[in-house]
Amino acid sequence: MDPAVPKATLKARLEVNVTALGDELVALRRERAELARGKAALQAELARGEEQARGLRQRLDEVMEQQRALRARGEQCQARQRELEDTL
């Protein structure tokens, strides 16, 4: 501590620094709360996207199964048509 600087001046500087740090702490807490809200919103959006993707995957699986069934039915129809043509 510099003996040439009065204690009152040092105390005033300390109070200014403490106040500035307190203000910074408040701002950081606000920012943390805002980031937490943003994170929660992103997590909710991700959950919705994942649910939508599951639904789309299920629908794709259903359509692919229908396509396989229709192809099999088409092959059966072609085979039956050949049988009928052979009997003519």
PDB file of N, CA and C in Angstrom:
ATOM      1  N   MET A   1       0.852  -1.174   0.000  1.00  0.00           N
ATOM      2  CA  MET A   1       0.000   0.000   0.000  1.00  0.00           C
ATOM      3  C   MET A   1       0.893   1.231   0.000  1.00  0.00           C
ATOM      4  N   ASP A   2       0.589   2.140  -0.897  1.00  0.00           N
ATOM      5  CA  ASP A   2       1.377   3.371  -1.026  1.00  0.00           C
ATOM      6  C   ASP A   2       0.992   4.320   0.111  1.00  0.00           C
ATOM      7  N   PRO A   3       1.961   4.690   0.971  1.00  0.00           N
ATOM      8  CA  PRO A   3       1.630   5.578   2.095  1.00  0.00           C
ATOM      9  C   PRO A   3       1.198   6.974   1.647  1.00  0.00           C
ATOM     10  N   ALA A   4       1.490   7.325   0.406  1.00  0.00           N
ATOM     11  CA  ALA A   4       1.133   8.662  -0.079  1.00  0.00           C
ATOM     12  C   ALA A   4      -0.349   8.758  -0.440  1.00  0.00           C
ATOM     13  N   VAL A   5      -1.013   7.587  -0.618  1.00  0.00           N
ATOM     14  CA  VAL A   5      -2.431   7.594  -0.990  1.00  0.00           C
ATOM     15  C   VAL A   5      -3.258   7.498   0.292  1.00  0.00           C
ATOM     16  N   PRO A   6      -4.141   8.461   0.507  1.00  0.00           N
ATOM     17  CA  PRO A   6      -4.949   8.448   1.728  1.00  0.00           C
ATOM     18  C   PRO A   6      -5.865   7.226   1.784  1.00  0.00           C
ATOM     19  N   LYS A   7      -6.144   6.792   3.018  1.00  0.00           N
ATOM     20  CA  LYS A   7      -7.020   5.638   3.227  1.00  0.00           C
ATOM     21  C   LYS A   7      -8.399   5.877   2.627  1.00  0.00           C
ATOM     22  N   ALA A   8      -8.897   7.059   2.689  1.00  0.00           N
ATOM     23  CA  ALA A   8     -10.224   7.380   2.152  1.00  0.00           C
ATOM     24  C   ALA A   8     -10.258   7.149   0.646  1.00  0.00           C
ATOM     25  N   THR A   9      -9.190   7.493  -0.029  1.00  0.00           N
ATOM     26  CA  THR A   9      -9.114   7.291  -1.477  1.00  0.00           C
ATOM     27  C   THR A   9      -9.088   5.799  -1.794  1.00  0.00           C
ATOM     28  N   LEU A  10      -8.302   5.056  -1.030  1.00  0.00           N
ATOM     29  CA  LEU A  10      -8.237   3.607  -1.233  1.00  0.00           C
ATOM     30  C   LEU A  10      -9.598   2.959  -0.977  1.00  0.00           C
ATOM     31  N   LYS A  11     -10.260   3.424   0.075  1.00  0.00           N
ATOM     32  CA  LYS A  11     -11.583   2.889   0.410  1.00  0.00           C
ATOM     33  C   LYS A  11     -12.584   3.206  -0.701  1.00  0.00           C
ATOM     34  N   ALA A  12     -12.516   4.397  -1.233  1.00  0.00           N
ATOM     35  CA  ALA A  12     -13.426   4.796  -2.314  1.00  0.00           C
ATOM     36  C   ALA A  12     -13.173   3.942  -3.554  1.00  0.00           C
ATOM     37  N   ARG A  13     -11.892   3.715  -3.876  1.00  0.00           N
ATOM     38  CA  ARG A  13     -11.568   2.871  -5.035  1.00  0.00           C
ATOM     39  C   ARG A  13     -12.080   1.446  -4.827  1.00  0.00           C
ATOM     40  N   LEU A  14     -11.893   0.953  -3.612  1.00  0.00           N
ATOM     41  CA  LEU A  14     -12.352  -0.395  -3.288  1.00  0.00           C
ATOM     42  C   LEU A  14     -13.868  -0.497  -3.433  1.00  0.00           C
ATOM     43  N   GLU A  15     -14.569   0.503  -2.952  1.00  0.00           N
ATOM     44  CA  GLU A  15     -16.034   0.501  -3.057  1.00  0.00           C
ATOM     45  C   GLU A  15     -16.476   0.547  -4.524  1.00  0.00           C
ATOM     46  N   VAL A  16     -15.787   1.324  -5.327  1.00  0.00           N
ATOM     47  CA  VAL A  16     -16.099   1.394  -6.760  1.00  0.00           C
ATOM     48  C   VAL A  16     -15.877   0.030  -7.395  1.00  0.00           C
ATOM     49  N   ASN A  17     -14.755  -0.598  -7.072  1.00  0.00           N
ATOM     50  CA  ASN A  17     -14.454  -1.916  -7.637  1.00  0.00           C
ATOM     51  C   ASN A  17     -15.471  -2.964  -7.193  1.00  0.00           C
ATOM     52  N   VAL A  18     -15.846  -2.937  -5.924  1.00  0.00           N
ATOM     53  CA  VAL A  18     -16.830  -3.888  -5.408  1.00  0.00           C
ATOM     54  C   VAL A  18     -18.175  -3.673  -6.097  1.00  0.00           C
ATOM     55  N   THR A  19     -18.557  -2.420  -6.262  1.00  0.00           N
ATOM     56  CA  THR A  19     -19.820  -2.113  -6.945  1.00  0.00           C
ATOM     57  C   THR A  19     -19.776  -2.594  -8.399  1.00  0.00           C
ATOM     58  N   ALA A  20     -18.661  -2.340  -9.071  1.00  0.00           N
ATOM     59  CA  ALA A  20     -18.525  -2.778 -10.469  1.00  0.00           C
ATOM     60  C   ALA A  20     -18.588  -4.299 -10.566  1.00  0.00           C
ATOM     61  N   LEU A  21     -17.917  -4.980  -9.651  1.00  0.00           N
ATOM     62  CA  LEU A  21     -17.962  -6.451  -9.653  1.00  0.00           C
ATOM     63  C   LEU A  21     -19.364  -6.962  -9.347  1.00  0.00           C
ATOM     64  N   GLY A  22     -20.053  -6.299  -8.456  1.00  0.00           N
ATOM     65  CA  GLY A  22     -21.434  -6.678  -8.149  1.00  0.00           C
ATOM     66  C   GLY A  22     -22.332  -6.512  -9.363  1.00  0.00           C
ATOM     67  N   ASP A  23     -22.159  -5.399 -10.071  1.00  0.00           N
ATOM     68  CA  ASP A  23     -22.948  -5.169 -11.285  1.00  0.00           C
ATOM     69  C   ASP A  23     -22.634  -6.223 -12.342  1.00  0.00           C
ATOM     70  N   GLU A  24     -21.365  -6.554 -12.462  1.00  0.00           N
ATOM     71  CA  GLU A  24     -20.966  -7.578 -13.429  1.00  0.00           C
ATOM     72  C   GLU A  24     -21.554  -8.940 -13.059  1.00  0.00           C
ATOM     73  N   LEU A  25     -21.581  -9.228 -11.781  1.00  0.00           N
ATOM     74  CA  LEU A  25     -22.154 -10.487 -11.318  1.00  0.00           C
ATOM     75  C   LEU A  25     -23.651 -10.552 -11.638  1.00  0.00           C
ATOM     76  N   VAL A  26     -24.353  -9.463 -11.415  1.00  0.00           N
ATOM     77  CA  VAL A  26     -25.784  -9.408 -11.736  1.00  0.00           C
ATOM     78  C   VAL A  26     -25.993  -9.629 -13.230  1.00  0.00           C
ATOM     79  N   ALA A  27     -25.164  -8.969 -14.047  1.00  0.00           N
ATOM     80  CA  ALA A  27     -25.285  -9.125 -15.501  1.00  0.00           C
ATOM     81  C   ALA A  27     -25.002 -10.564 -15.921  1.00  0.00           C
ATOM     82  N   LEU A  28     -23.996 -11.168 -15.321  1.00  0.00           N
ATOM     83  CA  LEU A  28     -23.674 -12.566 -15.649  1.00  0.00           C
ATOM     84  C   LEU A  28     -24.791 -13.512 -15.233  1.00  0.00           C
ATOM     85  N   ARG A  29     -25.419 -13.234 -14.109  1.00  0.00           N
ATOM     86  CA  ARG A  29     -26.556 -14.072 -13.669  1.00  0.00           C
ATOM     87  C   ARG A  29     -27.731 -13.941 -14.634  1.00  0.00           C
ATOM     88  N   ARG A  30     -27.972 -12.716 -15.095  1.00  0.00           N
ATOM     89  CA  ARG A  30     -29.039 -12.516 -16.089  1.00  0.00           C
ATOM     90  C   ARG A  30     -28.722 -13.280 -17.372  1.00  0.00           C
ATOM     91  N   GLU A  31     -27.464 -13.171 -17.802  1.00  0.00           N
ATOM     92  CA  GLU A  31     -27.049 -13.863 -19.027  1.00  0.00           C
ATOM     93  C   GLU A  31     -27.182 -15.379 -18.864  1.00  0.00           C
ATOM     94  N   ARG A  32     -26.801 -15.880 -17.698  1.00  0.00           N
ATOM     95  CA  ARG A  32     -26.930 -17.312 -17.428  1.00  0.00           C
ATOM     96  C   ARG A  32     -28.397 -17.746 -17.492  1.00  0.00           C
ATOM     97  N   ALA A  33     -29.276 -16.944 -16.903  1.00  0.00           N
ATOM     98  CA  ALA A  33     -30.702 -17.266 -16.943  1.00  0.00           C
ATOM     99  C   ALA A  33     -31.225 -17.244 -18.372  1.00  0.00           C
ATOM    100  N   GLU A  34     -30.787 -16.267 -19.151  1.00  0.00           N
ATOM    101  CA  GLU A  34     -31.204 -16.177 -20.550  1.00  0.00           C
ATOM    102  C   GLU A  34     -30.699 -17.385 -21.349  1.00  0.00           C
ATOM    103  N   LEU A  35     -29.454 -17.760 -21.115  1.00  0.00           N
ATOM    104  CA  LEU A  35     -28.892 -18.933 -21.791  1.00  0.00           C
ATOM    105  C   LEU A  35     -29.630 -20.204 -21.383  1.00  0.00           C
ATOM    106  N   ALA A  36     -30.007 -20.294 -20.126  1.00  0.00           N
ATOM    107  CA  ALA A  36     -30.761 -21.469 -19.661  1.00  0.00           C
ATOM    108  C   ALA A  36     -32.119 -21.546 -20.360  1.00  0.00           C
ATOM    109  N   ARG A  37     -32.766 -20.394 -20.514  1.00  0.00           N
ATOM    110  CA  ARG A  37     -34.056 -20.381 -21.233  1.00  0.00           C
ATOM    111  C   ARG A  37     -33.857 -20.777 -22.692  1.00  0.00           C
ATOM    112  N   GLY A  38     -32.797 -20.256 -23.303  1.00  0.00           N
ATOM    113  CA  GLY A  38     -32.501 -20.614 -24.694  1.00  0.00           C
ATOM    114  C   GLY A  38     -32.202 -22.095 -24.834  1.00  0.00           C
ATOM    115  N   LYS A  39     -31.467 -22.626 -23.888  1.00  0.00           N
ATOM    116  CA  LYS A  39     -31.141 -24.061 -23.914  1.00  0.00           C
ATOM    117  C   LYS A  39     -32.410 -24.890 -23.789  1.00  0.00           C
ATOM    118  N   ALA A  40     -33.291 -24.496 -22.885  1.00  0.00           N
ATOM    119  CA  ALA A  40     -34.544 -25.225 -22.704  1.00  0.00           C
ATOM    120  C   ALA A  40     -35.385 -25.179 -23.981  1.00  0.00           C
ATOM    121  N   ALA A  41     -35.423 -24.019 -24.630  1.00  0.00           N
ATOM    122  CA  ALA A  41     -36.188 -23.887 -25.873  1.00  0.00           C
ATOM    123  C   ALA A  41     -35.592 -24.779 -26.961  1.00  0.00           C
ATOM    124  N   LEU A  42     -34.263 -24.803 -27.050  1.00  0.00           N
ATOM    125  CA  LEU A  42     -33.606 -25.649 -28.054  1.00  0.00           C
ATOM    126  C   LEU A  42     -33.832 -27.133 -27.764  1.00  0.00           C
ATOM    127  N   GLN A  43     -33.800 -27.500 -26.494  1.00  0.00           N
ATOM    128  CA  GLN A  43     -34.051 -28.896 -26.144  1.00  0.00           C
ATOM    129  C   GLN A  43     -35.479 -29.296 -26.495  1.00  0.00           C
ATOM    130  N   ALA A  44     -36.431 -28.398 -26.257  1.00  0.00           N
ATOM    131  CA  ALA A  44     -37.822 -28.679 -26.606  1.00  0.00           C
ATOM    132  C   ALA A  44     -37.967 -28.807 -28.127  1.00  0.00           C
ATOM    133  N   GLU A  45     -37.312 -27.921 -28.857  1.00  0.00           N
ATOM    134  CA  GLU A  45     -37.365 -27.973 -30.325  1.00  0.00           C
ATOM    135  C   GLU A  45     -36.725 -29.267 -30.838  1.00  0.00           C
ATOM    136  N   LEU A  46     -35.630 -29.666 -30.231  1.00  0.00           N
ATOM    137  CA  LEU A  46     -34.969 -30.919 -30.604  1.00  0.00           C
ATOM    138  C   LEU A  46     -35.886 -32.107 -30.335  1.00  0.00           C
ATOM    139  N   ALA A  47     -36.548 -32.101 -29.194  1.00  0.00           N
ATOM    140  CA  ALA A  47     -37.468 -33.197 -28.862  1.00  0.00           C
ATOM    141  C   ALA A  47     -38.607 -33.268 -29.882  1.00  0.00           C
ATOM    142  N   ARG A  48     -39.128 -32.104 -30.276  1.00  0.00           N
ATOM    143  CA  ARG A  48     -40.195 -32.088 -31.291  1.00  0.00           C
ATOM    144  C   ARG A  48     -39.670 -32.624 -32.625  1.00  0.00           C
ATOM    145  N   GLY A  49     -38.472 -32.218 -32.992  1.00  0.00           N
ATOM    146  CA  GLY A  49     -37.873 -32.690 -34.238  1.00  0.00           C
ATOM    147  C   GLY A  49     -37.644 -34.195 -34.211  1.00  0.00           C
ATOM    148  N   GLU A  50     -37.170 -34.698 -33.083  1.00  0.00           N
ATOM    149  CA  GLU A  50     -36.947 -36.137 -32.967  1.00  0.00           C
ATOM    150  C   GLU A  50     -38.263 -36.901 -33.049  1.00  0.00           C
ATOM    151  N   GLU A  51     -39.301 -36.372 -32.420  1.00  0.00           N
ATOM    152  CA  GLU A  51     -40.619 -37.013 -32.477  1.00  0.00           C
ATOM    153  C   GLU A  51     -41.141 -36.995 -33.914  1.00  0.00           C
ATOM    154  N   GLN A  52     -40.967 -35.891 -34.597  1.00  0.00           N
ATOM    155  CA  GLN A  52     -41.398 -35.792 -35.987  1.00  0.00           C
ATOM    156  C   GLN A  52     -40.621 -36.784 -36.848  1.00  0.00           C
ATOM    157  N   ALA A  53     -39.331 -36.895 -36.598  1.00  0.00           N
ATOM    158  CA  ALA A  53     -38.502 -37.833 -37.365  1.00  0.00           C
ATOM    159  C   ALA A  53     -38.963 -39.275 -37.115  1.00  0.00           C
ATOM    160  N   ARG A  54     -39.305 -39.603 -35.872  1.00  0.00           N
ATOM    161  CA  ARG A  54     -39.816 -40.956 -35.583  1.00  0.00           C
ATOM    162  C   ARG A  54     -41.114 -41.218 -36.335  1.00  0.00           C
ATOM    163  N   GLY A  55     -41.992 -40.220 -36.356  1.00  0.00           N
ATOM    164  CA  GLY A  55     -43.252 -40.364 -37.074  1.00  0.00           C
ATOM    165  C   GLY A  55     -43.033 -40.536 -38.569  1.00  0.00           C
ATOM    166  N   LEU A  56     -42.124 -39.746 -39.119  1.00  0.00           N
ATOM    167  CA  LEU A  56     -41.825 -39.862 -40.550  1.00  0.00           C
ATOM    168  C   LEU A  56     -41.191 -41.216 -40.867  1.00  0.00           C
ATOM    169  N   ARG A  57     -40.328 -41.689 -39.983  1.00  0.00           N
ATOM    170  CA  ARG A  57     -39.693 -42.995 -40.197  1.00  0.00           C
ATOM    171  C   ARG A  57     -40.747 -44.101 -40.167  1.00  0.00           C
ATOM    172  N   GLN A  58     -41.668 -44.004 -39.226  1.00  0.00           N
ATOM    173  CA  GLN A  58     -42.735 -45.000 -39.142  1.00  0.00           C
ATOM    174  C   GLN A  58     -43.588 -44.965 -40.410  1.00  0.00           C
ATOM    175  N   ARG A  59     -43.917 -43.770 -40.866  1.00  0.00           N
ATOM    176  CA  ARG A  59     -44.724 -43.637 -42.087  1.00  0.00           C
ATOM    177  C   ARG A  59     -43.961 -44.200 -43.287  1.00  0.00           C
ATOM    178  N   LEU A  60     -42.659 -43.933 -43.374  1.00  0.00           N
ATOM    179  CA  LEU A  60     -41.844 -44.469 -44.456  1.00  0.00           C
ATOM    180  C   LEU A  60     -41.841 -45.994 -44.422  1.00  0.00           C
ATOM    181  N   ASP A  61     -41.683 -46.560 -43.231  1.00  0.00           N
ATOM    182  CA  ASP A  61     -41.707 -48.018 -43.100  1.00  0.00           C
ATOM    183  C   ASP A  61     -43.052 -48.589 -43.569  1.00  0.00           C
ATOM    184  N   GLU A  62     -44.142 -47.910 -43.208  1.00  0.00           N
ATOM    185  CA  GLU A  62     -45.471 -48.365 -43.630  1.00  0.00           C
ATOM    186  C   GLU A  62     -45.611 -48.314 -45.145  1.00  0.00           C
ATOM    187  N   VAL A  63     -45.167 -47.227 -45.745  1.00  0.00           N
ATOM    188  CA  VAL A  63     -45.282 -47.063 -47.201  1.00  0.00           C
ATOM    189  C   VAL A  63     -44.415 -48.097 -47.916  1.00  0.00           C
ATOM    190  N   MET A  64     -43.225 -48.346 -47.377  1.00  0.00           N
ATOM    191  CA  MET A  64     -42.348 -49.339 -47.998  1.00  0.00           C
ATOM    192  C   MET A  64     -42.976 -50.741 -47.903  1.00  0.00           C
ATOM    193  N   GLU A  65     -43.623 -51.036 -46.811  1.00  0.00           N
ATOM    194  CA  GLU A  65     -44.306 -52.333 -46.663  1.00  0.00           C
ATOM    195  C   GLU A  65     -45.464 -52.427 -47.661  1.00  0.00           C
ATOM    196  N   GLN A  66     -46.199 -51.343 -47.810  1.00  0.00           N
ATOM    197  CA  GLN A  66     -47.285 -51.333 -48.803  1.00  0.00           C
ATOM    198  C   GLN A  66     -46.720 -51.549 -50.203  1.00  0.00           C
ATOM    199  N   GLN A  67     -45.609 -50.918 -50.498  1.00  0.00           N
ATOM    200  CA  GLN A  67     -44.988 -51.062 -51.810  1.00  0.00           C
ATOM    201  C   GLN A  67     -44.574 -52.517 -52.047  1.00  0.00           C
ATOM    202  N   ARG A  68     -43.977 -53.145 -51.029  1.00  0.00           N
ATOM    203  CA  ARG A  68     -43.588 -54.555 -51.173  1.00  0.00           C
ATOM    204  C   ARG A  68     -44.813 -55.441 -51.412  1.00  0.00           C
ATOM    205  N   ALA A  69     -45.879 -55.166 -50.676  1.00  0.00           N
ATOM    206  CA  ALA A  69     -47.106 -55.957 -50.832  1.00  0.00           C
ATOM    207  C   ALA A  69     -47.704 -55.761 -52.225  1.00  0.00           C
ATOM    208  N   LEU A  70     -47.687 -54.515 -52.712  1.00  0.00           N
ATOM    209  CA  LEU A  70     -48.232 -54.258 -54.046  1.00  0.00           C
ATOM    210  C   LEU A  70     -47.387 -54.918 -55.137  1.00  0.00           C
ATOM    211  N   ARG A  71     -46.075 -54.901 -54.961  1.00  0.00           N
ATOM    212  CA  ARG A  71     -45.213 -55.580 -55.939  1.00  0.00           C
ATOM    213  C   ARG A  71     -45.492 -57.085 -55.955  1.00  0.00           C
ATOM    214  N   ALA A  72     -45.618 -57.652 -54.768  1.00  0.00           N
ATOM    215  CA  ALA A  72     -45.904 -59.088 -54.688  1.00  0.00           C
ATOM    216  C   ALA A  72     -47.247 -59.386 -55.336  1.00  0.00           C
ATOM    217  N   ARG A  73     -48.226 -58.547 -55.076  1.00  0.00           N
ATOM    218  CA  ARG A  73     -49.548 -58.750 -55.686  1.00  0.00           C
ATOM    219  C   ARG A  73     -49.466 -58.605 -57.201  1.00  0.00           C
ATOM    220  N   GLY A  74     -48.682 -57.613 -57.669  1.00  0.00           N
ATOM    221  CA  GLY A  74     -48.504 -57.430 -59.110  1.00  0.00           C
ATOM    222  C   GLY A  74     -47.861 -58.656 -59.744  1.00  0.00           C
ATOM    223  N   GLU A  75     -46.849 -59.223 -59.063  1.00  0.00           N
ATOM    224  CA  GLU A  75     -46.206 -60.432 -59.579  1.00  0.00           C
ATOM    225  C   GLU A  75     -47.191 -61.603 -59.628  1.00  0.00           C
ATOM    226  N   GLN A  76     -48.039 -61.705 -58.609  1.00  0.00           N
ATOM    227  CA  GLN A  76     -49.055 -62.769 -58.602  1.00  0.00           C
ATOM    228  C   GLN A  76     -50.034 -62.582 -59.758  1.00  0.00           C
ATOM    229  N   CYS A  77     -50.426 -61.339 -59.988  1.00  0.00           N
ATOM    230  CA  CYS A  77     -51.355 -61.057 -61.088  1.00  0.00           C
ATOM    231  C   CYS A  77     -50.719 -61.405 -62.435  1.00  0.00           C
ATOM    232  N   GLN A  78     -49.444 -61.050 -62.608  1.00  0.00           N
ATOM    233  CA  GLN A  78     -48.762 -61.368 -63.863  1.00  0.00           C
ATOM    234  C   GLN A  78     -48.640 -62.882 -64.045  1.00  0.00           C
ATOM    235  N   ALA A  79     -48.345 -63.583 -62.960  1.00  0.00           N
ATOM    236  CA  ALA A  79     -48.251 -65.038 -63.050  1.00  0.00           C
ATOM    237  C   ALA A  79     -49.607 -65.639 -63.405  1.00  0.00           C
ATOM    238  N   ARG A  80     -50.652 -65.142 -62.786  1.00  0.00           N
ATOM    239  CA  ARG A  80     -52.008 -65.650 -63.081  1.00  0.00           C
ATOM    240  C   ARG A  80     -52.386 -65.332 -64.522  1.00  0.00           C
ATOM    241  N   GLN A  81     -52.015 -64.141 -64.989  1.00  0.00           N
ATOM    242  CA  GLN A  81     -52.313 -63.755 -66.367  1.00  0.00           C
ATOM    243  C   GLN A  81     -51.606 -64.711 -67.334  1.00  0.00           C
ATOM    244  N   ARG A  82     -50.349 -65.046 -67.067  1.00  0.00           N
ATOM    245  CA  ARG A  82     -49.622 -65.983 -67.923  1.00  0.00           C
ATOM    246  C   ARG A  82     -50.301 -67.357 -67.920  1.00  0.00           C
ATOM    247  N   GLU A  83     -50.741 -67.777 -66.734  1.00  0.00           N
ATOM    248  CA  GLU A  83     -51.432 -69.071 -66.636  1.00  0.00           C
ATOM    249  C   GLU A  83     -52.695 -69.065 -67.500  1.00  0.00           C
ATOM    250  N   LEU A  84     -53.456 -67.956 -67.388  1.00  0.00           N
ATOM    251  CA  LEU A  84     -54.686 -67.880 -68.156  1.00  0.00           C
ATOM    252  C   LEU A  84     -54.401 -67.828 -69.651  1.00  0.00           C
ATOM    253  N   GLU A  85     -53.351 -67.100 -70.030  1.00  0.00           N
ATOM    254  CA  GLU A  85     -53.007 -67.017 -71.449  1.00  0.00           C
ATOM    255  C   GLU A  85     -52.548 -68.386 -71.973  1.00  0.00           C
ATOM    256  N   ASP A  86     -51.872 -69.130 -71.127  1.00  0.00           N
ATOM    257  CA  ASP A  86     -51.398 -70.450 -71.534  1.00  0.00           C
ATOM    258  C   ASP A  86     -52.572 -71.426 -71.727  1.00  0.00           C
ATOM    259  N   THR A  87     -53.678 -71.211 -71.031  1.00  0.00           N
ATOM    260  CA  THR A  87     -54.824 -72.108 -71.170  1.00  0.00           C
ATOM    261  C   THR A  87     -55.662 -71.776 -72.404  1.00  0.00           C
ATOM    262  N   LEU A  88     -55.425 -70.642 -73.015  1.00  0.00           N
ATOM    263  CA  LEU A  88     -56.202 -70.269 -74.198  1.00  0.00           C
ATOM    264  C   LEU A  88     -55.721 -70.930 -75.425  1.00  0.00           C
TER     265      LEU A  88
END
